[in-house]
């Protein structure tokens, strides 16, 4: 199973440094979110120009704020710069953000995703888009020479979203989703959707908090504090409930080197094809142990 590292820098310079360190340590990939800071695709484009070889990904870029044509242009520009090393992870975000913070409509989010992919996917594969939906329209092509097709992963947790991801995209990227839920829900649902559509087996990229430590109790307390918001957002709360745990700290992979390696192995056995570590404490020691698994 390929192992990557999650980074959330505050400047482009820091992003380049993070990507270089992760690459030098031998990891397969580095992933950035689009939240309330610098633009992830812009930062990764600069990093791609400066750091060779390592694969790059977003986990994830929210769809609602950007027309799929614009996101496709950004993704293809990064793909051109990286020489084909980029994977675009997209997601709906949350109603609290889209409606409450941005003032956009959250009406029928699965419809939104289907329409969005109907424009995004042909464009990032170098084809023309010719689609007119209820909320989105695009009848155009993009000219980004020497850009390989961009693989698209959809942050999907519910059954409907996993179905769309399996039928249309290259796979999914999950967060706050433990191994039991991947094994019993995520992997079989998206796998069946892909098979029914005659598509290859999907990528399942699992991201979880990780900490190598001799004080597991303190590390879990820190995880509970740092990630507490994910215990209240409905989509993540549903996955934590499926896992049968009280909160985010319970799905974090925490403990000494042997315990962390065993935790990642459980994720692999559950059906994940790639693991993205989110080091939240003891970063250097954690990355040193994870590098042994690469």
C-alpha atoms as a PDB file:
ATOM      1  CA  UNK A   1       0.000   0.000   0.000  1.00  0.00           C
ATOM      2  CA  UNK A   2       1.320   3.397  -0.976  1.00  0.00           C
ATOM      3  CA  UNK A   3       1.818   5.877   1.870  1.00  0.00           C
ATOM      4  CA  UNK A   4       1.576   9.649   1.591  1.00  0.00           C
ATOM      5  CA  UNK A   5       1.674  12.584   3.967  1.00  0.00           C
ATOM      6  CA  UNK A   6      -0.829  15.385   4.523  1.00  0.00           C
ATOM      7  CA  UNK A   7       0.466  18.944   4.814  1.00  0.00           C
ATOM      8  CA  UNK A   8      -1.329  22.204   5.509  1.00  0.00           C
ATOM      9  CA  UNK A   9       1.192  25.053   5.098  1.00  0.00           C
ATOM     10  CA  UNK A  10       0.358  28.733   5.473  1.00  0.00           C
ATOM     11  CA  UNK A  11       2.662  29.988   2.693  1.00  0.00           C
ATOM     12  CA  UNK A  12       3.740  28.782  -0.731  1.00  0.00           C
ATOM     13  CA  UNK A  13       7.362  28.769   0.440  1.00  0.00           C
ATOM     14  CA  UNK A  14       6.421  26.479   3.309  1.00  0.00           C
ATOM     15  CA  UNK A  15       4.502  24.245   0.910  1.00  0.00           C
ATOM     16  CA  UNK A  16       7.572  23.781  -1.281  1.00  0.00           C
ATOM     17  CA  UNK A  17       9.651  22.964   1.782  1.00  0.00           C
ATOM     18  CA  UNK A  18       7.113  20.445   3.049  1.00  0.00           C
ATOM     19  CA  UNK A  19       6.861  18.712  -0.321  1.00  0.00           C
ATOM     20  CA  UNK A  20      10.649  18.531  -0.594  1.00  0.00           C
ATOM     21  CA  UNK A  21      11.020  17.013   2.880  1.00  0.00           C
ATOM     22  CA  UNK A  22       8.318  14.434   2.249  1.00  0.00           C
ATOM     23  CA  UNK A  23       9.886  13.519  -1.101  1.00  0.00           C
ATOM     24  CA  UNK A  24      13.377  13.236   0.404  1.00  0.00           C
ATOM     25  CA  UNK A  25      12.001  10.885   3.069  1.00  0.00           C
ATOM     26  CA  UNK A  26      10.825   8.515   0.348  1.00  0.00           C
ATOM     27  CA  UNK A  27       7.049   8.845   0.642  1.00  0.00           C
ATOM     28  CA  UNK A  28       4.892   8.180  -2.399  1.00  0.00           C
ATOM     29  CA  UNK A  29       2.774  11.333  -2.251  1.00  0.00           C
ATOM     30  CA  UNK A  30       1.934  14.569  -0.492  1.00  0.00           C
ATOM     31  CA  UNK A  31      -1.610  15.934  -0.146  1.00  0.00           C
ATOM     32  CA  UNK A  32      -2.980  19.398   0.628  1.00  0.00           C
ATOM     33  CA  UNK A  33      -6.472  20.573   1.591  1.00  0.00           C
ATOM     34  CA  UNK A  34      -8.333  23.629   0.385  1.00  0.00           C
ATOM     35  CA  UNK A  35      -9.762  25.177   3.506  1.00  0.00           C
ATOM     36  CA  UNK A  36      -9.420  28.793   4.646  1.00  0.00           C
ATOM     37  CA  UNK A  37      -5.839  29.539   3.678  1.00  0.00           C
ATOM     38  CA  UNK A  38      -3.629  29.596   0.607  1.00  0.00           C
ATOM     39  CA  UNK A  39      -4.852  28.091  -2.640  1.00  0.00           C
ATOM     40  CA  UNK A  40      -3.777  24.446  -2.627  1.00  0.00           C
ATOM     41  CA  UNK A  41      -3.537  24.011  -6.397  1.00  0.00           C
ATOM     42  CA  UNK A  42      -1.435  27.155  -6.804  1.00  0.00           C
ATOM     43  CA  UNK A  43       0.916  26.068  -4.009  1.00  0.00           C
ATOM     44  CA  UNK A  44       1.244  22.545  -5.419  1.00  0.00           C
ATOM     45  CA  UNK A  45       1.942  23.941  -8.892  1.00  0.00           C
ATOM     46  CA  UNK A  46       4.916  25.856  -7.523  1.00  0.00           C
ATOM     47  CA  UNK A  47       6.029  22.794  -5.550  1.00  0.00           C
ATOM     48  CA  UNK A  48       5.728  20.608  -8.639  1.00  0.00           C
ATOM     49  CA  UNK A  49       8.064  22.953 -10.497  1.00  0.00           C
ATOM     50  CA  UNK A  50      10.627  22.814  -7.686  1.00  0.00           C
ATOM     51  CA  UNK A  51      10.416  19.193  -6.489  1.00  0.00           C
ATOM     52  CA  UNK A  52      10.566  16.266  -8.954  1.00  0.00           C
ATOM     53  CA  UNK A  53       9.210  12.739  -8.758  1.00  0.00           C
ATOM     54  CA  UNK A  54       6.778  12.769  -5.811  1.00  0.00           C
ATOM     55  CA  UNK A  55       3.057  12.517  -6.552  1.00  0.00           C
ATOM     56  CA  UNK A  56       0.813  15.407  -5.510  1.00  0.00           C
ATOM     57  CA  UNK A  57      -2.841  15.521  -4.559  1.00  0.00           C
ATOM     58  CA  UNK A  58      -5.586  17.694  -3.136  1.00  0.00           C
ATOM     59  CA  UNK A  59      -7.717  16.361  -0.312  1.00  0.00           C
ATOM     60  CA  UNK A  60      -9.919  18.089  -1.085  1.00  0.00           C
ATOM     61  CA  UNK A  61     -11.009  21.109  -3.141  1.00  0.00           C
ATOM     62  CA  UNK A  62     -14.661  22.077  -2.518  1.00  0.00           C
ATOM     63  CA  UNK A  63     -16.720  22.113  -5.708  1.00  0.00           C
ATOM     64  CA  UNK A  64     -19.405  24.716  -5.023  1.00  0.00           C
ATOM     65  CA  UNK A  65     -17.182  27.845  -5.044  1.00  0.00           C
ATOM     66  CA  UNK A  66     -15.525  27.102  -8.437  1.00  0.00           C
ATOM     67  CA  UNK A  67     -17.123  26.436 -11.791  1.00  0.00           C
ATOM     68  CA  UNK A  68     -15.855  23.059 -13.038  1.00  0.00           C
ATOM     69  CA  UNK A  69     -14.293  24.721 -16.101  1.00  0.00           C
ATOM     70  CA  UNK A  70     -12.110  26.887 -13.879  1.00  0.00           C
ATOM     71  CA  UNK A  71     -11.133  23.986 -11.643  1.00  0.00           C
ATOM     72  CA  UNK A  72     -10.291  21.901 -14.711  1.00  0.00           C
ATOM     73  CA  UNK A  73      -8.034  24.675 -16.029  1.00  0.00           C
ATOM     74  CA  UNK A  74      -6.224  24.886 -12.705  1.00  0.00           C
ATOM     75  CA  UNK A  75      -5.855  21.110 -12.457  1.00  0.00           C
ATOM     76  CA  UNK A  76      -4.518  20.789 -16.005  1.00  0.00           C
ATOM     77  CA  UNK A  77      -2.040  23.604 -15.379  1.00  0.00           C
ATOM     78  CA  UNK A  78      -0.698  21.742 -12.359  1.00  0.00           C
ATOM     79  CA  UNK A  79      -0.651  18.508 -14.339  1.00  0.00           C
ATOM     80  CA  UNK A  80       1.307  20.208 -17.121  1.00  0.00           C
ATOM     81  CA  UNK A  81       3.813  21.546 -14.583  1.00  0.00           C
ATOM     82  CA  UNK A  82       4.171  18.248 -12.730  1.00  0.00           C
ATOM     83  CA  UNK A  83       4.534  16.053 -15.779  1.00  0.00           C
ATOM     84  CA  UNK A  84       1.534  13.937 -14.824  1.00  0.00           C
ATOM     85  CA  UNK A  85       2.025  13.580 -11.051  1.00  0.00           C
ATOM     86  CA  UNK A  86      -1.203  15.214  -9.855  1.00  0.00           C
ATOM     87  CA  UNK A  87      -4.458  13.730  -8.562  1.00  0.00           C
ATOM     88  CA  UNK A  88      -7.412  16.072  -8.060  1.00  0.00           C
ATOM     89  CA  UNK A  89      -9.441  15.284  -4.957  1.00  0.00           C
ATOM     90  CA  UNK A  90     -12.769  17.128  -4.809  1.00  0.00           C
ATOM     91  CA  UNK A  91     -15.593  17.243  -2.310  1.00  0.00           C
ATOM     92  CA  UNK A  92     -18.863  18.951  -1.525  1.00  0.00           C
ATOM     93  CA  UNK A  93     -17.628  20.439   1.779  1.00  0.00           C
ATOM     94  CA  UNK A  94     -20.478  20.905   4.285  1.00  0.00           C
ATOM     95  CA  UNK A  95     -23.803  22.709   4.385  1.00  0.00           C
ATOM     96  CA  UNK A  96     -22.503  24.833   7.266  1.00  0.00           C
ATOM     97  CA  UNK A  97     -19.744  26.172   4.996  1.00  0.00           C
ATOM     98  CA  UNK A  98     -21.522  26.366   1.652  1.00  0.00           C
ATOM     99  CA  UNK A  99     -24.740  27.951   2.880  1.00  0.00           C
ATOM    100  CA  UNK A 100     -23.738  29.502   6.185  1.00  0.00           C
ATOM    101  CA  UNK A 101     -20.370  30.978   5.221  1.00  0.00           C
ATOM    102  CA  UNK A 102     -20.586  31.394   1.443  1.00  0.00           C
ATOM    103  CA  UNK A 103     -24.298  31.984   0.921  1.00  0.00           C
ATOM    104  CA  UNK A 104     -24.544  29.387  -1.848  1.00  0.00           C
ATOM    105  CA  UNK A 105     -27.343  26.867  -2.281  1.00  0.00           C
ATOM    106  CA  UNK A 106     -26.883  23.391  -0.814  1.00  0.00           C
ATOM    107  CA  UNK A 107     -29.978  22.129  -2.623  1.00  0.00           C
ATOM    108  CA  UNK A 108     -29.639  18.537  -3.885  1.00  0.00           C
ATOM    109  CA  UNK A 109     -25.880  18.060  -3.327  1.00  0.00           C
ATOM    110  CA  UNK A 110     -25.746  14.699  -5.127  1.00  0.00           C
ATOM    111  CA  UNK A 111     -27.311  16.310  -8.212  1.00  0.00           C
ATOM    112  CA  UNK A 112     -24.706  19.039  -7.959  1.00  0.00           C
ATOM    113  CA  UNK A 113     -21.925  16.433  -7.908  1.00  0.00           C
ATOM    114  CA  UNK A 114     -23.306  14.587 -10.941  1.00  0.00           C
ATOM    115  CA  UNK A 115     -23.581  17.814 -12.935  1.00  0.00           C
ATOM    116  CA  UNK A 116     -20.178  18.986 -11.790  1.00  0.00           C
ATOM    117  CA  UNK A 117     -18.513  15.745 -12.887  1.00  0.00           C
ATOM    118  CA  UNK A 118     -20.323  15.880 -16.237  1.00  0.00           C
ATOM    119  CA  UNK A 119     -18.296  19.006 -17.005  1.00  0.00           C
ATOM    120  CA  UNK A 120     -15.114  18.459 -15.017  1.00  0.00           C
ATOM    121  CA  UNK A 121     -14.302  14.916 -16.144  1.00  0.00           C
ATOM    122  CA  UNK A 122     -14.235  15.415 -19.907  1.00  0.00           C
ATOM    123  CA  UNK A 123     -12.234  18.629 -19.527  1.00  0.00           C
ATOM    124  CA  UNK A 124      -9.520  17.116 -17.302  1.00  0.00           C
ATOM    125  CA  UNK A 125      -9.281  14.204 -19.757  1.00  0.00           C
ATOM    126  CA  UNK A 126      -8.546  16.570 -22.630  1.00  0.00           C
ATOM    127  CA  UNK A 127     -12.016  16.350 -24.172  1.00  0.00           C
ATOM    128  CA  UNK A 128     -14.688  18.947 -24.841  1.00  0.00           C
ATOM    129  CA  UNK A 129     -17.542  19.426 -22.399  1.00  0.00           C
ATOM    130  CA  UNK A 130     -21.043  19.670 -23.862  1.00  0.00           C
ATOM    131  CA  UNK A 131     -23.442  19.638 -20.947  1.00  0.00           C
ATOM    132  CA  UNK A 132     -26.438  21.679 -19.862  1.00  0.00           C
ATOM    133  CA  UNK A 133     -27.850  20.751 -16.475  1.00  0.00           C
ATOM    134  CA  UNK A 134     -30.257  22.257 -13.999  1.00  0.00           C
ATOM    135  CA  UNK A 135     -27.550  24.245 -12.234  1.00  0.00           C
ATOM    136  CA  UNK A 136     -24.375  23.976 -14.329  1.00  0.00           C
ATOM    137  CA  UNK A 137     -23.623  24.375 -18.026  1.00  0.00           C
ATOM    138  CA  UNK A 138     -20.450  24.174 -20.116  1.00  0.00           C
ATOM    139  CA  UNK A 139     -20.004  23.892 -23.872  1.00  0.00           C
ATOM    140  CA  UNK A 140     -16.296  24.322 -24.450  1.00  0.00           C
ATOM    141  CA  UNK A 141     -12.847  22.751 -24.527  1.00  0.00           C
ATOM    142  CA  UNK A 142      -9.580  23.754 -22.873  1.00  0.00           C
ATOM    143  CA  UNK A 143      -6.192  24.070 -24.551  1.00  0.00           C
ATOM    144  CA  UNK A 144      -3.507  23.081 -22.055  1.00  0.00           C
ATOM    145  CA  UNK A 145      -0.786  21.367 -24.091  1.00  0.00           C
ATOM    146  CA  UNK A 146       1.385  18.587 -22.656  1.00  0.00           C
ATOM    147  CA  UNK A 147      -1.019  18.023 -19.755  1.00  0.00           C
ATOM    148  CA  UNK A 148      -1.800  14.374 -19.074  1.00  0.00           C
ATOM    149  CA  UNK A 149      -5.359  13.471 -18.028  1.00  0.00           C
ATOM    150  CA  UNK A 150      -5.975  14.311 -14.377  1.00  0.00           C
ATOM    151  CA  UNK A 151      -7.294  11.481 -12.155  1.00  0.00           C
ATOM    152  CA  UNK A 152     -10.240  12.643 -10.031  1.00  0.00           C
ATOM    153  CA  UNK A 153     -11.120  11.325  -6.585  1.00  0.00           C
ATOM    154  CA  UNK A 154     -14.384  12.239  -4.877  1.00  0.00           C
ATOM    155  CA  UNK A 155     -14.602  12.616  -1.112  1.00  0.00           C
ATOM    156  CA  UNK A 156     -17.500  10.226  -0.647  1.00  0.00           C
ATOM    157  CA  UNK A 157     -18.845   8.694   2.546  1.00  0.00           C
ATOM    158  CA  UNK A 158     -22.575   8.091   2.066  1.00  0.00           C
ATOM    159  CA  UNK A 159     -23.865   5.376  -0.246  1.00  0.00           C
ATOM    160  CA  UNK A 160     -25.138   7.751  -2.940  1.00  0.00           C
ATOM    161  CA  UNK A 161     -21.868   9.644  -3.092  1.00  0.00           C
ATOM    162  CA  UNK A 162     -19.838   6.439  -3.154  1.00  0.00           C
ATOM    163  CA  UNK A 163     -22.017   5.215  -6.003  1.00  0.00           C
ATOM    164  CA  UNK A 164     -21.361   8.342  -8.062  1.00  0.00           C
ATOM    165  CA  UNK A 165     -17.634   8.143  -7.288  1.00  0.00           C
ATOM    166  CA  UNK A 166     -17.443   4.505  -8.321  1.00  0.00           C
ATOM    167  CA  UNK A 167     -19.345   5.007 -11.564  1.00  0.00           C
ATOM    168  CA  UNK A 168     -17.711   8.243 -12.652  1.00  0.00           C
ATOM    169  CA  UNK A 169     -14.375   8.983 -10.938  1.00  0.00           C
ATOM    170  CA  UNK A 170     -11.140   7.113 -10.270  1.00  0.00           C
ATOM    171  CA  UNK A 171     -12.006   6.526  -6.643  1.00  0.00           C
ATOM    172  CA  UNK A 172     -12.530   8.197  -3.296  1.00  0.00           C
ATOM    173  CA  UNK A 173     -10.544   9.869  -0.544  1.00  0.00           C
ATOM    174  CA  UNK A 174     -11.846   9.476   3.003  1.00  0.00           C
ATOM    175  CA  UNK A 175     -11.266  11.257   6.299  1.00  0.00           C
ATOM    176  CA  UNK A 176     -12.250  10.237   9.812  1.00  0.00           C
ATOM    177  CA  UNK A 177     -13.266   6.835   8.510  1.00  0.00           C
ATOM    178  CA  UNK A 178     -11.905   3.817  10.361  1.00  0.00           C
ATOM    179  CA  UNK A 179     -10.917   0.407   9.000  1.00  0.00           C
ATOM    180  CA  UNK A 180     -14.135  -1.383   9.954  1.00  0.00           C
ATOM    181  CA  UNK A 181     -16.179   1.180   8.018  1.00  0.00           C
ATOM    182  CA  UNK A 182     -13.867   0.973   5.023  1.00  0.00           C
ATOM    183  CA  UNK A 183     -14.162  -2.816   5.014  1.00  0.00           C
ATOM    184  CA  UNK A 184     -17.936  -3.028   5.556  1.00  0.00           C
ATOM    185  CA  UNK A 185     -19.175   0.089   3.765  1.00  0.00           C
ATOM    186  CA  UNK A 186     -16.749   2.155   1.690  1.00  0.00           C
ATOM    187  CA  UNK A 187     -14.858  -0.532  -0.208  1.00  0.00           C
ATOM    188  CA  UNK A 188     -17.828  -2.775  -1.100  1.00  0.00           C
ATOM    189  CA  UNK A 189     -20.103   0.142  -2.051  1.00  0.00           C
ATOM    190  CA  UNK A 190     -17.693   1.967  -4.321  1.00  0.00           C
ATOM    191  CA  UNK A 191     -16.285  -1.293  -5.655  1.00  0.00           C
ATOM    192  CA  UNK A 192     -19.720  -2.568  -6.683  1.00  0.00           C
ATOM    193  CA  UNK A 193     -20.560   0.747  -8.366  1.00  0.00           C
ATOM    194  CA  UNK A 194     -17.339   0.680 -10.369  1.00  0.00           C
ATOM    195  CA  UNK A 195     -17.847  -2.949 -11.377  1.00  0.00           C
ATOM    196  CA  UNK A 196     -21.438  -2.327 -12.472  1.00  0.00           C
ATOM    197  CA  UNK A 197     -20.211   0.546 -14.648  1.00  0.00           C
ATOM    198  CA  UNK A 198     -17.464  -1.591 -16.185  1.00  0.00           C
ATOM    199  CA  UNK A 199     -14.754   0.553 -14.626  1.00  0.00           C
ATOM    200  CA  UNK A 200     -11.459  -0.539 -13.042  1.00  0.00           C
ATOM    201  CA  UNK A 201     -11.237  -1.186  -9.329  1.00  0.00           C
ATOM    202  CA  UNK A 202     -11.340   2.240  -7.649  1.00  0.00           C
ATOM    203  CA  UNK A 203      -8.613   3.893  -5.635  1.00  0.00           C
ATOM    204  CA  UNK A 204      -9.514   4.181  -1.962  1.00  0.00           C
ATOM    205  CA  UNK A 205      -7.303   6.775  -0.315  1.00  0.00           C
ATOM    206  CA  UNK A 206      -7.706   6.727   3.467  1.00  0.00           C
ATOM    207  CA  UNK A 207      -6.475   9.688   5.525  1.00  0.00           C
ATOM    208  CA  UNK A 208      -6.298   9.484   9.316  1.00  0.00           C
ATOM    209  CA  UNK A 209      -4.506  11.284  12.158  1.00  0.00           C
ATOM    210  CA  UNK A 210      -1.285   9.535  13.169  1.00  0.00           C
ATOM    211  CA  UNK A 211       1.052   9.970  16.140  1.00  0.00           C
ATOM    212  CA  UNK A 212       3.993   7.834  17.228  1.00  0.00           C
ATOM    213  CA  UNK A 213       4.301   8.234  20.971  1.00  0.00           C
ATOM    214  CA  UNK A 214       5.004   6.478  24.247  1.00  0.00           C
ATOM    215  CA  UNK A 215       2.085   8.311  25.876  1.00  0.00           C
ATOM    216  CA  UNK A 216      -0.985   7.110  24.016  1.00  0.00           C
ATOM    217  CA  UNK A 217      -3.427   8.642  26.475  1.00  0.00           C
ATOM    218  CA  UNK A 218      -2.017  12.147  26.113  1.00  0.00           C
ATOM    219  CA  UNK A 219      -1.859  11.796  22.335  1.00  0.00           C
ATOM    220  CA  UNK A 220      -5.497  10.752  22.134  1.00  0.00           C
ATOM    221  CA  UNK A 221      -6.494  13.655  24.376  1.00  0.00           C
ATOM    222  CA  UNK A 222      -4.732  16.013  21.978  1.00  0.00           C
ATOM    223  CA  UNK A 223      -6.461  14.376  19.011  1.00  0.00           C
ATOM    224  CA  UNK A 224      -9.820  14.751  20.731  1.00  0.00           C
ATOM    225  CA  UNK A 225      -9.184  18.466  21.188  1.00  0.00           C
ATOM    226  CA  UNK A 226      -7.619  19.167  17.787  1.00  0.00           C
ATOM    227  CA  UNK A 227     -10.166  17.246  15.705  1.00  0.00           C
ATOM    228  CA  UNK A 228     -13.294  17.675  17.831  1.00  0.00           C
ATOM    229  CA  UNK A 229     -15.187  19.592  15.115  1.00  0.00           C
ATOM    230  CA  UNK A 230     -15.260  16.483  12.922  1.00  0.00           C
ATOM    231  CA  UNK A 231     -17.305  14.720  15.564  1.00  0.00           C
ATOM    232  CA  UNK A 232     -20.134  17.181  14.945  1.00  0.00           C
ATOM    233  CA  UNK A 233     -20.182  17.518  11.150  1.00  0.00           C
ATOM    234  CA  UNK A 234     -22.961  15.168   9.967  1.00  0.00           C
ATOM    235  CA  UNK A 235     -21.052  13.271   7.272  1.00  0.00           C
ATOM    236  CA  UNK A 236     -18.120  12.455   9.552  1.00  0.00           C
ATOM    237  CA  UNK A 237     -20.374  11.788  12.540  1.00  0.00           C
ATOM    238  CA  UNK A 238     -22.149   9.139  10.474  1.00  0.00           C
ATOM    239  CA  UNK A 239     -18.839   7.388   9.738  1.00  0.00           C
ATOM    240  CA  UNK A 240     -17.756   7.526  13.381  1.00  0.00           C
ATOM    241  CA  UNK A 241     -21.092   6.012  14.363  1.00  0.00           C
ATOM    242  CA  UNK A 242     -20.634   3.252  11.782  1.00  0.00           C
ATOM    243  CA  UNK A 243     -17.229   2.560  13.284  1.00  0.00           C
ATOM    244  CA  UNK A 244     -18.815   2.363  16.735  1.00  0.00           C
ATOM    245  CA  UNK A 245     -16.569   4.993  18.302  1.00  0.00           C
ATOM    246  CA  UNK A 246     -17.233   8.067  20.394  1.00  0.00           C
ATOM    247  CA  UNK A 247     -15.164  10.587  18.471  1.00  0.00           C
ATOM    248  CA  UNK A 248     -12.242  11.417  16.176  1.00  0.00           C
ATOM    249  CA  UNK A 249      -9.604  10.458  18.750  1.00  0.00           C
ATOM    250  CA  UNK A 250     -10.792   6.862  18.556  1.00  0.00           C
ATOM    251  CA  UNK A 251      -9.970   6.481  14.847  1.00  0.00           C
ATOM    252  CA  UNK A 252      -6.558   8.147  15.158  1.00  0.00           C
ATOM    253  CA  UNK A 253      -3.663   5.721  14.790  1.00  0.00           C
ATOM    254  CA  UNK A 254      -1.692   6.277  17.972  1.00  0.00           C
ATOM    255  CA  UNK A 255       0.969   4.452  19.963  1.00  0.00           C
ATOM    256  CA  UNK A 256       4.511   3.214  19.681  1.00  0.00           C
ATOM    257  CA  UNK A 257       6.081   2.291  16.348  1.00  0.00           C
ATOM    258  CA  UNK A 258       4.687  -1.250  16.368  1.00  0.00           C
ATOM    259  CA  UNK A 259       1.162  -0.071  17.199  1.00  0.00           C
ATOM    260  CA  UNK A 260       1.170   2.542  14.453  1.00  0.00           C
ATOM    261  CA  UNK A 261       2.440   0.083  11.872  1.00  0.00           C
ATOM    262  CA  UNK A 262      -0.246  -2.393  12.930  1.00  0.00           C
ATOM    263  CA  UNK A 263      -2.917   0.288  12.661  1.00  0.00           C
ATOM    264  CA  UNK A 264      -1.907   1.142   9.116  1.00  0.00           C
ATOM    265  CA  UNK A 265      -1.858  -2.548   8.244  1.00  0.00           C
ATOM    266  CA  UNK A 266      -5.483  -2.799   9.425  1.00  0.00           C
ATOM    267  CA  UNK A 267      -6.368   0.000   7.033  1.00  0.00           C
ATOM    268  CA  UNK A 268      -4.712  -1.898   4.181  1.00  0.00           C
ATOM    269  CA  UNK A 269      -6.485  -5.125   5.081  1.00  0.00           C
ATOM    270  CA  UNK A 270      -9.792  -3.228   5.124  1.00  0.00           C
ATOM    271  CA  UNK A 271      -9.421  -2.411   1.439  1.00  0.00           C
ATOM    272  CA  UNK A 272      -7.677   0.950   1.257  1.00  0.00           C
ATOM    273  CA  UNK A 273      -5.300   1.196  -1.687  1.00  0.00           C
ATOM    274  CA  UNK A 274      -3.398   4.204  -0.305  1.00  0.00           C
ATOM    275  CA  UNK A 275      -2.883   5.693   3.127  1.00  0.00           C
ATOM    276  CA  UNK A 276      -2.325   9.370   3.889  1.00  0.00           C
ATOM    277  CA  UNK A 277      -0.896  10.103   7.307  1.00  0.00           C
ATOM    278  CA  UNK A 278      -1.931  13.303   9.057  1.00  0.00           C
ATOM    279  CA  UNK A 279       0.795  13.775  11.684  1.00  0.00           C
ATOM    280  CA  UNK A 280      -0.638  16.012  14.401  1.00  0.00           C
ATOM    281  CA  UNK A 281       1.968  15.590  17.162  1.00  0.00           C
ATOM    282  CA  UNK A 282       5.557  14.314  17.402  1.00  0.00           C
ATOM    283  CA  UNK A 283       5.784  14.942  13.653  1.00  0.00           C
ATOM    284  CA  UNK A 284       9.456  14.057  13.162  1.00  0.00           C
ATOM    285  CA  UNK A 285       9.256  10.779  15.092  1.00  0.00           C
ATOM    286  CA  UNK A 286       5.996   9.894  13.365  1.00  0.00           C
ATOM    287  CA  UNK A 287       7.379  10.503   9.890  1.00  0.00           C
ATOM    288  CA  UNK A 288      10.536   8.550  10.712  1.00  0.00           C
ATOM    289  CA  UNK A 289       8.481   5.472  11.586  1.00  0.00           C
ATOM    290  CA  UNK A 290       6.168   5.905   8.592  1.00  0.00           C
ATOM    291  CA  UNK A 291       9.146   6.227   6.254  1.00  0.00           C
ATOM    292  CA  UNK A 292      10.143   2.688   7.227  1.00  0.00           C
ATOM    293  CA  UNK A 293       6.887   1.477   5.672  1.00  0.00           C
ATOM    294  CA  UNK A 294       7.638   3.035   2.293  1.00  0.00           C
END
